[in-house]
Amino acid sequence: MIPESLSPIANHLWQSTLFAGAAGLLTLALRKNSARIRHWVWVVTSLKFLAPFALLIAVGNRVKWRTAPAIAPGVSVVMGQVAQPFVIAAGSVPLPATVPETPNPLMAFLFTVWACGLAAISISWSIRWRCIYANVRAGSPIQLDLPIQAVSSPSFLEPGIFGVFRPVLLLPDGILDHLSPEQWKSVVAHELCHVRHWDNLIALIQMCIESAFWFHPLVWWIGKQIFHERERACDEDVLRLGNEPRTYAQGILKVCELYLESPMACVAGVSGSNLRKRMEEIMANHIGVRLTFVRKVVLATVAVAAVTMPIAVGMLHAPAAHAQSAGQRQIRGRFD
């Protein structure tokens, strides 16, 4: 049985898990389309963990209807039960009003465990970030015909984009001696794709979500899907720019052979993310099909429904809530 104090958290996790399941089915339907579209589907799914449906329902509760809506009340009851399955019925645990609330040791224990996990993950990522930052500080700027600054570092990390609002291309020393001009061009095109789509910012937000919900395996799995689709989306963009698939694949393999993969998703590199499958898609010159008008309409409808349905549930409950509050005010007025 879910304790009353944990029911809001349980409801939020249940709703987010259900939302992720729907997103998984949606990505299956979009498997032949561009990887960037699936990437954004998973990003929105991850952001759902930061936006409880209860917040949108509360917004709907504040909407005052002039007349009660002509909708069967059973519809709103069913939707409310699906959205909040872990609700303790009023009166099921009667407590005298005079009994003071006592501290809940279970809540204190769970909060301590959550805080320790949050601190451990945050410290781990902070240490990795400082190591990469030290490599950037130890590097020396190099002049390249690029829209962002490039830094050559003595580290053995792969080429990657460091930073969010002032991105820097971090390059290991001597990389130009190991890649042909065409391979170098395709690798840089991959990195600039990360910059154009703000992939480091998205990865940083995902890291914060994973830190807060470290206990939920689905959050980590969604993060991996975001990372995989991000790299595949950049591969498609590189091929769409006209780079030769074999040359591009050889450049990625050469980087993987010589350098270490970036230890953080928010430092976007060129390797990683199911390398074998990526190589197969690159060699096949696979570029996702663009969305048709019908699919765009369906996606827009799904996005609007995900936001408006919780608000509608709150609006359906609003008349009863307002009537109850008005009745309570009248009762208080009589005694006053």
C-alpha atoms as a PDB file:
ATOM      1  CA  MET A   1       0.000   0.000   0.000  1.00  0.00           C
ATOM      2  CA  ILE A   2       1.323   3.430  -0.948  1.00  0.00           C
ATOM      3  CA  PRO A   3       1.616   5.801   2.052  1.00  0.00           C
ATOM      4  CA  GLU A   4      -0.465   8.950   1.710  1.00  0.00           C
ATOM      5  CA  SER A   5       2.632  11.161   1.754  1.00  0.00           C
ATOM      6  CA  LEU A   6       4.119   9.233  -1.195  1.00  0.00           C
ATOM      7  CA  SER A   7       0.991   9.073  -3.358  1.00  0.00           C
ATOM      8  CA  PRO A   8       1.759  12.318  -5.313  1.00  0.00           C
ATOM      9  CA  ILE A   9       5.234  11.020  -6.202  1.00  0.00           C
ATOM     10  CA  ALA A  10       3.863   7.596  -7.120  1.00  0.00           C
ATOM     11  CA  ASN A  11       1.217   9.213  -9.339  1.00  0.00           C
ATOM     12  CA  HIS A  12       3.831  11.349 -11.087  1.00  0.00           C
ATOM     13  CA  LEU A  13       6.117   8.375 -11.734  1.00  0.00           C
ATOM     14  CA  TRP A  14       3.198   6.300 -13.010  1.00  0.00           C
ATOM     15  CA  GLN A  15       2.098   9.058 -15.385  1.00  0.00           C
ATOM     16  CA  SER A  16       5.639   9.608 -16.666  1.00  0.00           C
ATOM     17  CA  THR A  17       6.128   5.862 -17.198  1.00  0.00           C
ATOM     18  CA  LEU A  18       2.854   5.650 -19.127  1.00  0.00           C
ATOM     19  CA  PHE A  19       3.907   8.676 -21.178  1.00  0.00           C
ATOM     20  CA  ALA A  20       7.244   6.997 -21.968  1.00  0.00           C
ATOM     21  CA  GLY A  21       5.447   3.875 -23.157  1.00  0.00           C
ATOM     22  CA  ALA A  22       3.363   5.957 -25.557  1.00  0.00           C
ATOM     23  CA  ALA A  23       6.524   7.699 -26.761  1.00  0.00           C
ATOM     24  CA  GLY A  24       8.145   4.329 -27.431  1.00  0.00           C
ATOM     25  CA  LEU A  25       5.235   3.309 -29.650  1.00  0.00           C
ATOM     26  CA  LEU A  26       5.466   6.657 -31.416  1.00  0.00           C
ATOM     27  CA  THR A  27       9.164   6.221 -32.170  1.00  0.00           C
ATOM     28  CA  LEU A  28       8.436   2.785 -33.605  1.00  0.00           C
ATOM     29  CA  ALA A  29       5.957   4.397 -35.972  1.00  0.00           C
ATOM     30  CA  LEU A  30       8.657   6.953 -36.900  1.00  0.00           C
ATOM     31  CA  ARG A  31      11.515   4.463 -37.300  1.00  0.00           C
ATOM     32  CA  LYS A  32      11.848   5.203 -41.025  1.00  0.00           C
ATOM     33  CA  ASN A  33      11.825   8.962 -40.519  1.00  0.00           C
ATOM     34  CA  SER A  34      14.639  11.268 -39.528  1.00  0.00           C
ATOM     35  CA  ALA A  35      16.493  10.399 -36.335  1.00  0.00           C
ATOM     36  CA  ARG A  36      16.228  14.034 -35.234  1.00  0.00           C
ATOM     37  CA  ILE A  37      12.443  13.641 -34.930  1.00  0.00           C
ATOM     38  CA  ARG A  38      12.800  10.569 -32.706  1.00  0.00           C
ATOM     39  CA  HIS A  39      15.448  12.446 -30.741  1.00  0.00           C
ATOM     40  CA  TRP A  40      12.973  15.217 -29.937  1.00  0.00           C
ATOM     41  CA  VAL A  41      10.284  12.701 -29.016  1.00  0.00           C
ATOM     42  CA  TRP A  42      12.594  11.244 -26.382  1.00  0.00           C
ATOM     43  CA  VAL A  43      13.644  14.709 -25.201  1.00  0.00           C
ATOM     44  CA  VAL A  44      10.005  15.674 -24.605  1.00  0.00           C
ATOM     45  CA  THR A  45       9.465  12.344 -22.841  1.00  0.00           C
ATOM     46  CA  SER A  46      12.346  13.057 -20.502  1.00  0.00           C
ATOM     47  CA  LEU A  47      11.098  16.581 -19.811  1.00  0.00           C
ATOM     48  CA  LYS A  48       7.772  15.063 -18.748  1.00  0.00           C
ATOM     49  CA  PHE A  49       9.513  13.972 -15.532  1.00  0.00           C
ATOM     50  CA  LEU A  50       9.870  17.673 -14.681  1.00  0.00           C
ATOM     51  CA  ALA A  51       6.225  18.521 -15.448  1.00  0.00           C
ATOM     52  CA  PRO A  52       3.693  16.556 -13.349  1.00  0.00           C
ATOM     53  CA  PHE A  53       0.202  16.247 -14.769  1.00  0.00           C
ATOM     54  CA  ALA A  54      -1.040  17.428 -11.364  1.00  0.00           C
ATOM     55  CA  LEU A  55       0.353  20.865 -12.185  1.00  0.00           C
ATOM     56  CA  LEU A  56      -1.681  21.053 -15.404  1.00  0.00           C
ATOM     57  CA  ILE A  57      -4.763  19.711 -13.616  1.00  0.00           C
ATOM     58  CA  ALA A  58      -4.361  22.471 -11.030  1.00  0.00           C
ATOM     59  CA  VAL A  59      -4.301  25.000 -13.867  1.00  0.00           C
ATOM     60  CA  GLY A  60      -7.583  23.568 -15.162  1.00  0.00           C
ATOM     61  CA  ASN A  61      -9.110  23.735 -11.674  1.00  0.00           C
ATOM     62  CA  ARG A  62      -8.621  27.492 -11.676  1.00  0.00           C
ATOM     63  CA  VAL A  63     -10.785  27.905 -14.773  1.00  0.00           C
ATOM     64  CA  LYS A  64     -14.290  28.941 -13.680  1.00  0.00           C
ATOM     65  CA  TRP A  65     -17.126  27.762 -15.884  1.00  0.00           C
ATOM     66  CA  ARG A  66     -20.198  29.954 -16.109  1.00  0.00           C
ATOM     67  CA  THR A  67     -22.273  26.793 -16.469  1.00  0.00           C
ATOM     68  CA  ALA A  68     -21.409  23.197 -15.791  1.00  0.00           C
ATOM     69  CA  PRO A  69     -20.103  21.467 -18.933  1.00  0.00           C
ATOM     70  CA  ALA A  70     -22.489  19.008 -20.559  1.00  0.00           C
ATOM     71  CA  ILE A  71     -20.140  16.042 -20.202  1.00  0.00           C
ATOM     72  CA  ALA A  72     -20.892  12.866 -18.348  1.00  0.00           C
ATOM     73  CA  PRO A  73     -19.281  13.053 -14.896  1.00  0.00           C
ATOM     74  CA  GLY A  74     -18.148   9.448 -15.200  1.00  0.00           C
ATOM     75  CA  VAL A  75     -15.682  10.469 -17.931  1.00  0.00           C
ATOM     76  CA  SER A  76     -13.808  12.819 -15.657  1.00  0.00           C
ATOM     77  CA  VAL A  77     -13.859  10.259 -12.834  1.00  0.00           C
ATOM     78  CA  VAL A  78     -12.317   7.575 -15.053  1.00  0.00           C
ATOM     79  CA  MET A  79      -9.679   9.975 -16.404  1.00  0.00           C
ATOM     80  CA  GLY A  80      -8.851  11.064 -12.880  1.00  0.00           C
ATOM     81  CA  GLN A  81      -8.456   7.452 -11.720  1.00  0.00           C
ATOM     82  CA  VAL A  82      -6.170   6.630 -14.640  1.00  0.00           C
ATOM     83  CA  ALA A  83      -4.065   9.735 -14.029  1.00  0.00           C
ATOM     84  CA  GLN A  84      -3.888   9.189 -10.271  1.00  0.00           C
ATOM     85  CA  PRO A  85      -4.191   5.465  -9.459  1.00  0.00           C
ATOM     86  CA  PHE A  86      -2.396   5.803  -6.137  1.00  0.00           C
ATOM     87  CA  VAL A  87      -4.988   7.865  -4.255  1.00  0.00           C
ATOM     88  CA  ILE A  88      -6.147   6.987  -0.795  1.00  0.00           C
ATOM     89  CA  ALA A  89      -9.892   7.288  -0.460  1.00  0.00           C
ATOM     90  CA  ALA A  90     -11.077   9.955   1.907  1.00  0.00           C
ATOM     91  CA  GLY A  91     -12.143   8.439   5.161  1.00  0.00           C
ATOM     92  CA  SER A  92     -10.366   5.115   4.597  1.00  0.00           C
ATOM     93  CA  VAL A  93      -7.876   6.043   7.283  1.00  0.00           C
ATOM     94  CA  PRO A  94      -9.834   8.163   9.755  1.00  0.00           C
ATOM     95  CA  LEU A  95      -7.711  10.267  12.023  1.00  0.00           C
ATOM     96  CA  PRO A  96      -9.016  12.490  14.812  1.00  0.00           C
ATOM     97  CA  ALA A  97      -8.490  16.165  14.113  1.00  0.00           C
ATOM     98  CA  THR A  98      -7.017  16.654  17.551  1.00  0.00           C
ATOM     99  CA  VAL A  99      -4.147  14.183  17.062  1.00  0.00           C
ATOM    100  CA  PRO A 100      -0.964  16.059  16.067  1.00  0.00           C
ATOM    101  CA  GLU A 101       1.015  14.830  13.087  1.00  0.00           C
ATOM    102  CA  THR A 102       4.019  12.722  13.993  1.00  0.00           C
ATOM    103  CA  PRO A 103       7.219  12.572  11.942  1.00  0.00           C
ATOM    104  CA  ASN A 104       7.245   9.739   9.438  1.00  0.00           C
ATOM    105  CA  PRO A 105      10.511   7.759   9.759  1.00  0.00           C
ATOM    106  CA  LEU A 106       9.946   6.126   6.362  1.00  0.00           C
ATOM    107  CA  MET A 107       9.799   9.492   4.617  1.00  0.00           C
ATOM    108  CA  ALA A 108      12.943  10.653   6.404  1.00  0.00           C
ATOM    109  CA  PHE A 109      14.769   7.464   5.400  1.00  0.00           C
ATOM    110  CA  LEU A 110      13.684   7.672   1.739  1.00  0.00           C
ATOM    111  CA  PHE A 111      14.632  11.329   1.528  1.00  0.00           C
ATOM    112  CA  THR A 112      18.071  10.560   2.973  1.00  0.00           C
ATOM    113  CA  VAL A 113      18.633   7.775   0.421  1.00  0.00           C
ATOM    114  CA  TRP A 114      17.475  10.029  -2.430  1.00  0.00           C
ATOM    115  CA  ALA A 115      19.691  12.905  -1.285  1.00  0.00           C
ATOM    116  CA  CYS A 116      22.731  10.623  -1.005  1.00  0.00           C
ATOM    117  CA  GLY A 117      22.152   9.298  -4.527  1.00  0.00           C
ATOM    118  CA  LEU A 118      21.706  12.822  -5.876  1.00  0.00           C
ATOM    119  CA  ALA A 119      24.904  13.984  -4.188  1.00  0.00           C
ATOM    120  CA  ALA A 120      26.936  10.990  -5.395  1.00  0.00           C
ATOM    121  CA  ILE A 121      25.886  11.392  -9.036  1.00  0.00           C
ATOM    122  CA  SER A 122      26.358  15.157  -8.961  1.00  0.00           C
ATOM    123  CA  ILE A 123      29.840  14.842  -7.484  1.00  0.00           C
ATOM    124  CA  SER A 124      30.799  12.184 -10.056  1.00  0.00           C
ATOM    125  CA  TRP A 125      29.727  14.354 -12.980  1.00  0.00           C
ATOM    126  CA  SER A 126      31.317  17.424 -11.432  1.00  0.00           C
ATOM    127  CA  ILE A 127      34.677  15.625 -11.251  1.00  0.00           C
ATOM    128  CA  ARG A 128      34.430  14.563 -14.909  1.00  0.00           C
ATOM    129  CA  TRP A 129      33.459  18.078 -15.957  1.00  0.00           C
ATOM    130  CA  ARG A 130      36.427  19.598 -14.118  1.00  0.00           C
ATOM    131  CA  CYS A 131      38.793  17.128 -15.817  1.00  0.00           C
ATOM    132  CA  ILE A 132      37.528  18.085 -19.269  1.00  0.00           C
ATOM    133  CA  TYR A 133      37.630  21.783 -18.344  1.00  0.00           C
ATOM    134  CA  ALA A 134      41.243  21.350 -17.245  1.00  0.00           C
ATOM    135  CA  ASN A 135      42.054  19.885 -20.666  1.00  0.00           C
ATOM    136  CA  VAL A 136      40.470  22.887 -22.345  1.00  0.00           C
ATOM    137  CA  ARG A 137      42.422  25.282 -20.127  1.00  0.00           C
ATOM    138  CA  ALA A 138      45.650  23.391 -20.824  1.00  0.00           C
ATOM    139  CA  GLY A 139      45.080  23.523 -24.576  1.00  0.00           C
ATOM    140  CA  SER A 140      46.113  26.215 -26.994  1.00  0.00           C
ATOM    141  CA  PRO A 141      43.807  27.990 -29.473  1.00  0.00           C
ATOM    142  CA  ILE A 142      44.275  27.106 -33.115  1.00  0.00           C
ATOM    143  CA  GLN A 143      43.090  29.031 -36.135  1.00  0.00           C
ATOM    144  CA  LEU A 144      40.629  27.073 -38.242  1.00  0.00           C
ATOM    145  CA  ASP A 145      38.015  28.229 -40.695  1.00  0.00           C
ATOM    146  CA  LEU A 146      35.165  27.406 -38.289  1.00  0.00           C
ATOM    147  CA  PRO A 147      32.310  29.434 -36.764  1.00  0.00           C
ATOM    148  CA  ILE A 148      33.447  28.453 -33.247  1.00  0.00           C
ATOM    149  CA  GLN A 149      36.765  28.541 -31.407  1.00  0.00           C
ATOM    150  CA  ALA A 150      38.997  25.463 -31.643  1.00  0.00           C
ATOM    151  CA  VAL A 151      41.459  24.366 -28.953  1.00  0.00           C
ATOM    152  CA  SER A 152      44.232  21.807 -29.354  1.00  0.00           C
ATOM    153  CA  SER A 153      44.752  19.786 -26.161  1.00  0.00           C
ATOM    154  CA  PRO A 154      47.390  17.191 -25.163  1.00  0.00           C
ATOM    155  CA  SER A 155      44.611  14.945 -23.864  1.00  0.00           C
ATOM    156  CA  PHE A 156      43.678  11.668 -25.521  1.00  0.00           C
ATOM    157  CA  LEU A 157      39.972  12.522 -25.686  1.00  0.00           C
ATOM    158  CA  GLU A 158      38.184  12.361 -29.013  1.00  0.00           C
ATOM    159  CA  PRO A 159      37.218  15.608 -30.786  1.00  0.00           C
ATOM    160  CA  GLY A 160      34.217  17.077 -29.017  1.00  0.00           C
ATOM    161  CA  ILE A 161      32.191  20.193 -28.360  1.00  0.00           C
ATOM    162  CA  PHE A 162      32.725  21.639 -24.880  1.00  0.00           C
ATOM    163  CA  GLY A 163      30.381  24.257 -23.456  1.00  0.00           C
ATOM    164  CA  VAL A 164      26.801  25.291 -24.082  1.00  0.00           C
ATOM    165  CA  PHE A 165      26.450  28.999 -24.797  1.00  0.00           C
ATOM    166  CA  ARG A 166      30.072  29.579 -25.875  1.00  0.00           C
ATOM    167  CA  PRO A 167      30.982  26.195 -27.387  1.00  0.00           C
ATOM    168  CA  VAL A 168      34.584  25.258 -28.045  1.00  0.00           C
ATOM    169  CA  LEU A 169      35.807  22.503 -30.353  1.00  0.00           C
ATOM    170  CA  LEU A 170      38.278  20.447 -28.303  1.00  0.00           C
ATOM    171  CA  LEU A 171      40.801  18.647 -30.507  1.00  0.00           C
ATOM    172  CA  PRO A 172      43.582  16.271 -29.457  1.00  0.00           C
ATOM    173  CA  ASP A 173      47.072  17.288 -30.537  1.00  0.00           C
ATOM    174  CA  GLY A 174      48.129  15.953 -33.917  1.00  0.00           C
ATOM    175  CA  ILE A 175      44.704  14.820 -35.082  1.00  0.00           C
ATOM    176  CA  LEU A 176      45.218  16.490 -38.468  1.00  0.00           C
ATOM    177  CA  ASP A 177      48.181  14.184 -39.045  1.00  0.00           C
ATOM    178  CA  HIS A 178      46.002  11.082 -38.687  1.00  0.00           C
ATOM    179  CA  LEU A 179      42.968  12.069 -40.752  1.00  0.00           C
ATOM    180  CA  SER A 180      42.785  12.812 -44.452  1.00  0.00           C
ATOM    181  CA  PRO A 181      41.314  16.203 -45.461  1.00  0.00           C
ATOM    182  CA  GLU A 182      38.010  14.591 -46.421  1.00  0.00           C
ATOM    183  CA  GLN A 183      37.832  12.603 -43.192  1.00  0.00           C
ATOM    184  CA  TRP A 184      38.616  15.730 -41.211  1.00  0.00           C
ATOM    185  CA  LYS A 185      35.905  17.649 -43.048  1.00  0.00           C
ATOM    186  CA  SER A 186      33.242  15.034 -42.257  1.00  0.00           C
ATOM    187  CA  VAL A 187      34.244  14.767 -38.583  1.00  0.00           C
ATOM    188  CA  VAL A 188      34.074  18.550 -38.158  1.00  0.00           C
ATOM    189  CA  ALA A 189      30.688  18.602 -39.913  1.00  0.00           C
ATOM    190  CA  HIS A 190      29.454  16.118 -37.313  1.00  0.00           C
ATOM    191  CA  GLU A 191      30.645  18.319 -34.447  1.00  0.00           C
ATOM    192  CA  LEU A 192      29.125  21.490 -35.905  1.00  0.00           C
ATOM    193  CA  CYS A 193      25.824  19.649 -36.189  1.00  0.00           C
ATOM    194  CA  HIS A 194      25.875  19.245 -32.388  1.00  0.00           C
ATOM    195  CA  VAL A 195      26.358  22.990 -32.048  1.00  0.00           C
ATOM    196  CA  ARG A 196      23.501  23.903 -34.395  1.00  0.00           C
ATOM    197  CA  HIS A 197      21.019  21.714 -32.530  1.00  0.00           C
ATOM    198  CA  TRP A 198      22.119  22.697 -28.990  1.00  0.00           C
ATOM    199  CA  ASP A 199      22.838  19.075 -28.166  1.00  0.00           C
ATOM    200  CA  ASN A 200      25.068  19.952 -25.215  1.00  0.00           C
ATOM    201  CA  LEU A 201      22.269  21.953 -23.578  1.00  0.00           C
ATOM    202  CA  ILE A 202      19.826  19.093 -24.058  1.00  0.00           C
ATOM    203  CA  ALA A 203      22.357  16.640 -22.628  1.00  0.00           C
ATOM    204  CA  LEU A 204      22.947  18.914 -19.625  1.00  0.00           C
ATOM    205  CA  ILE A 205      19.216  19.053 -18.891  1.00  0.00           C
ATOM    206  CA  GLN A 206      19.044  15.273 -19.221  1.00  0.00           C
ATOM    207  CA  MET A 207      21.894  14.934 -16.735  1.00  0.00           C
ATOM    208  CA  CYS A 208      19.918  17.025 -14.235  1.00  0.00           C
ATOM    209  CA  ILE A 209      16.837  14.833 -14.747  1.00  0.00           C
ATOM    210  CA  GLU A 210      18.911  11.690 -14.269  1.00  0.00           C
ATOM    211  CA  SER A 211      20.377  13.146 -11.091  1.00  0.00           C
ATOM    212  CA  ALA A 212      16.954  13.941  -9.638  1.00  0.00           C
ATOM    213  CA  PHE A 213      15.343  10.640 -10.715  1.00  0.00           C
ATOM    214  CA  TRP A 214      18.412   8.419 -10.371  1.00  0.00           C
ATOM    215  CA  PHE A 215      16.271   5.677  -8.788  1.00  0.00           C
ATOM    216  CA  HIS A 216      14.092   5.243 -11.893  1.00  0.00           C
ATOM    217  CA  PRO A 217      15.734   2.932 -14.501  1.00  0.00           C
ATOM    218  CA  LEU A 218      13.484   4.283 -17.243  1.00  0.00           C
ATOM    219  CA  VAL A 219      15.052   7.742 -16.923  1.00  0.00           C
ATOM    220  CA  TRP A 220      18.501   6.322 -17.675  1.00  0.00           C
ATOM    221  CA  TRP A 221      17.140   4.276 -20.563  1.00  0.00           C
ATOM    222  CA  ILE A 222      15.510   7.366 -22.061  1.00  0.00           C
ATOM    223  CA  GLY A 223      18.832   9.173 -21.732  1.00  0.00           C
ATOM    224  CA  LYS A 224      20.512   6.448 -23.777  1.00  0.00           C
ATOM    225  CA  GLN A 225      17.833   6.760 -26.454  1.00  0.00           C
ATOM    226  CA  ILE A 226      18.398  10.516 -26.607  1.00  0.00           C
ATOM    227  CA  PHE A 227      22.137   9.936 -27.002  1.00  0.00           C
ATOM    228  CA  HIS A 228      21.720   7.264 -29.689  1.00  0.00           C
ATOM    229  CA  GLU A 229      19.263   9.264 -31.772  1.00  0.00           C
ATOM    230  CA  ARG A 230      21.385  12.394 -31.395  1.00  0.00           C
ATOM    231  CA  GLU A 231      24.417  10.730 -32.941  1.00  0.00           C
ATOM    232  CA  ARG A 232      22.376   9.113 -35.700  1.00  0.00           C
ATOM    233  CA  ALA A 233      20.767  12.475 -36.472  1.00  0.00           C
ATOM    234  CA  CYS A 234      24.208  14.065 -36.871  1.00  0.00           C
ATOM    235  CA  ASP A 235      25.283  11.176 -39.120  1.00  0.00           C
ATOM    236  CA  GLU A 236      22.280  11.829 -41.340  1.00  0.00           C
ATOM    237  CA  ASP A 237      23.097  15.536 -41.507  1.00  0.00           C
ATOM    238  CA  VAL A 238      26.698  14.814 -42.496  1.00  0.00           C
ATOM    239  CA  LEU A 239      25.535  12.524 -45.301  1.00  0.00           C
ATOM    240  CA  ARG A 240      22.873  15.017 -46.333  1.00  0.00           C
ATOM    241  CA  LEU A 241      25.635  17.611 -46.809  1.00  0.00           C
ATOM    242  CA  GLY A 242      27.161  15.392 -49.487  1.00  0.00           C
ATOM    243  CA  ASN A 243      30.063  13.785 -47.601  1.00  0.00           C
ATOM    244  CA  GLU A 244      31.139  10.406 -48.985  1.00  0.00           C
ATOM    245  CA  PRO A 245      29.850   7.612 -46.672  1.00  0.00           C
ATOM    246  CA  ARG A 246      32.995   5.451 -46.776  1.00  0.00           C
ATOM    247  CA  THR A 247      35.266   8.385 -46.018  1.00  0.00           C
ATOM    248  CA  TYR A 248      33.053   9.498 -43.146  1.00  0.00           C
ATOM    249  CA  ALA A 249      32.929   5.982 -41.666  1.00  0.00           C
ATOM    250  CA  GLN A 250      36.704   5.634 -41.932  1.00  0.00           C
ATOM    251  CA  GLY A 251      37.136   8.962 -40.140  1.00  0.00           C
ATOM    252  CA  ILE A 252      34.944   7.831 -37.226  1.00  0.00           C
ATOM    253  CA  LEU A 253      36.756   4.506 -36.955  1.00  0.00           C
ATOM    254  CA  LYS A 254      40.123   6.252 -36.975  1.00  0.00           C
ATOM    255  CA  VAL A 255      39.008   8.520 -34.129  1.00  0.00           C
ATOM    256  CA  CYS A 256      37.761   5.506 -32.144  1.00  0.00           C
ATOM    257  CA  GLU A 257      41.080   3.747 -32.752  1.00  0.00           C
ATOM    258  CA  LEU A 258      43.286   6.610 -31.584  1.00  0.00           C
ATOM    259  CA  TYR A 259      41.313   8.435 -28.888  1.00  0.00           C
ATOM    260  CA  LEU A 260      39.127   7.854 -25.842  1.00  0.00           C
ATOM    261  CA  GLU A 261      35.390   8.474 -25.935  1.00  0.00           C
ATOM    262  CA  SER A 262      34.133  11.579 -24.148  1.00  0.00           C
ATOM    263  CA  PRO A 263      33.183  10.674 -20.552  1.00  0.00           C
ATOM    264  CA  MET A 264      30.136  12.963 -20.562  1.00  0.00           C
ATOM    265  CA  ALA A 265      27.133  13.176 -22.888  1.00  0.00           C
ATOM    266  CA  CYS A 266      27.145  16.973 -22.583  1.00  0.00           C
ATOM    267  CA  VAL A 267      30.543  17.039 -24.331  1.00  0.00           C
ATOM    268  CA  ALA A 268      29.329  15.901 -27.730  1.00  0.00           C
ATOM    269  CA  GLY A 269      31.839  13.797 -29.657  1.00  0.00           C
ATOM    270  CA  VAL A 270      31.767  11.684 -32.794  1.00  0.00           C
ATOM    271  CA  SER A 271      32.122   8.102 -31.537  1.00  0.00           C
ATOM    272  CA  GLY A 272      30.007   5.868 -29.317  1.00  0.00           C
ATOM    273  CA  SER A 273      26.285   5.062 -29.543  1.00  0.00           C
ATOM    274  CA  ASN A 274      26.124   1.542 -31.022  1.00  0.00           C
ATOM    275  CA  LEU A 275      29.028   2.070 -33.393  1.00  0.00           C
ATOM    276  CA  ARG A 276      28.397  -1.061 -35.435  1.00  0.00           C
ATOM    277  CA  LYS A 277      24.843  -0.084 -36.318  1.00  0.00           C
ATOM    278  CA  ARG A 278      25.938   3.448 -37.129  1.00  0.00           C
ATOM    279  CA  MET A 279      28.606   2.167 -39.490  1.00  0.00           C
ATOM    280  CA  GLU A 280      26.049  -0.002 -41.272  1.00  0.00           C
ATOM    281  CA  GLU A 281      23.675   2.915 -41.725  1.00  0.00           C
ATOM    282  CA  ILE A 282      26.452   5.249 -42.861  1.00  0.00           C
ATOM    283  CA  MET A 283      27.761   2.771 -45.417  1.00  0.00           C
ATOM    284  CA  ALA A 284      24.206   2.275 -46.686  1.00  0.00           C
ATOM    285  CA  ASN A 285      23.940   6.081 -46.999  1.00  0.00           C
ATOM    286  CA  HIS A 286      20.823   5.894 -44.865  1.00  0.00           C
ATOM    287  CA  ILE A 287      19.000   9.199 -44.485  1.00  0.00           C
ATOM    288  CA  GLY A 288      15.648   9.252 -42.725  1.00  0.00           C
ATOM    289  CA  VAL A 289      12.547  10.162 -44.679  1.00  0.00           C
ATOM    290  CA  ARG A 290      11.143  13.593 -43.934  1.00  0.00           C
ATOM    291  CA  LEU A 291       7.749  13.776 -42.272  1.00  0.00           C
ATOM    292  CA  THR A 292       4.716  13.924 -44.509  1.00  0.00           C
ATOM    293  CA  PHE A 293       1.993  16.491 -43.887  1.00  0.00           C
ATOM    294  CA  VAL A 294      -0.264  13.851 -42.332  1.00  0.00           C
ATOM    295  CA  ARG A 295       2.417  12.720 -39.883  1.00  0.00           C
ATOM    296  CA  LYS A 296       3.134  16.343 -38.937  1.00  0.00           C
ATOM    297  CA  VAL A 297      -0.554  16.847 -38.160  1.00  0.00           C
ATOM    298  CA  VAL A 298      -0.636  13.646 -36.088  1.00  0.00           C
ATOM    299  CA  LEU A 299       2.452  14.662 -34.102  1.00  0.00           C
ATOM    300  CA  ALA A 300       1.049  18.138 -33.484  1.00  0.00           C
ATOM    301  CA  THR A 301      -2.261  16.631 -32.347  1.00  0.00           C
ATOM    302  CA  VAL A 302      -0.525  14.256 -29.943  1.00  0.00           C
ATOM    303  CA  ALA A 303       1.574  17.102 -28.494  1.00  0.00           C
ATOM    304  CA  VAL A 304      -1.466  19.337 -27.976  1.00  0.00           C
ATOM    305  CA  ALA A 305      -3.477  16.478 -26.445  1.00  0.00           C
ATOM    306  CA  ALA A 306      -0.688  15.679 -23.968  1.00  0.00           C
ATOM    307  CA  VAL A 307      -0.964  19.218 -22.590  1.00  0.00           C
ATOM    308  CA  THR A 308      -4.696  19.886 -22.899  1.00  0.00           C
ATOM    309  CA  MET A 309      -6.059  16.587 -21.539  1.00  0.00           C
ATOM    310  CA  PRO A 310      -4.811  17.150 -17.953  1.00  0.00           C
ATOM    311  CA  ILE A 311      -6.103  20.728 -18.093  1.00  0.00           C
ATOM    312  CA  ALA A 312      -9.455  19.406 -19.318  1.00  0.00           C
ATOM    313  CA  VAL A 313      -9.597  16.990 -16.381  1.00  0.00           C
ATOM    314  CA  GLY A 314      -9.017  19.901 -14.019  1.00  0.00           C
ATOM    315  CA  MET A 315     -11.699  21.944 -15.763  1.00  0.00           C
ATOM    316  CA  LEU A 316     -14.209  19.084 -15.454  1.00  0.00           C
ATOM    317  CA  HIS A 317     -13.595  18.973 -11.707  1.00  0.00           C
ATOM    318  CA  ALA A 318     -13.578  22.751 -11.355  1.00  0.00           C
ATOM    319  CA  PRO A 319     -17.364  23.278 -10.923  1.00  0.00           C
ATOM    320  CA  ALA A 320     -17.586  20.794  -8.068  1.00  0.00           C
ATOM    321  CA  ALA A 321     -14.486  22.207  -6.455  1.00  0.00           C
ATOM    322  CA  HIS A 322     -15.771  25.770  -6.695  1.00  0.00           C
ATOM    323  CA  ALA A 323     -19.201  24.713  -5.382  1.00  0.00           C
ATOM    324  CA  GLN A 324     -17.612  22.918  -2.441  1.00  0.00           C
ATOM    325  CA  SER A 325     -15.442  25.891  -1.559  1.00  0.00           C
ATOM    326  CA  ALA A 326     -18.462  28.218  -1.855  1.00  0.00           C
ATOM    327  CA  GLY A 327     -20.491  25.975   0.456  1.00  0.00           C
ATOM    328  CA  GLN A 328     -17.694  25.977   2.992  1.00  0.00           C
ATOM    329  CA  ARG A 329     -17.559  29.758   2.885  1.00  0.00           C
ATOM    330  CA  GLN A 330     -21.329  29.946   3.504  1.00  0.00           C
ATOM    331  CA  ILE A 331     -21.092  27.599   6.477  1.00  0.00           C
ATOM    332  CA  ARG A 332     -18.283  29.660   7.970  1.00  0.00           C
ATOM    333  CA  GLY A 333     -20.303  32.811   7.369  1.00  0.00           C
ATOM    334  CA  ARG A 334     -23.254  31.428   9.330  1.00  0.00           C
ATOM    335  CA  PHE A 335     -21.122  30.632  12.351  1.00  0.00           C
ATOM    336  CA  ASP A 336     -19.401  34.005  12.104  1.00  0.00           C
END
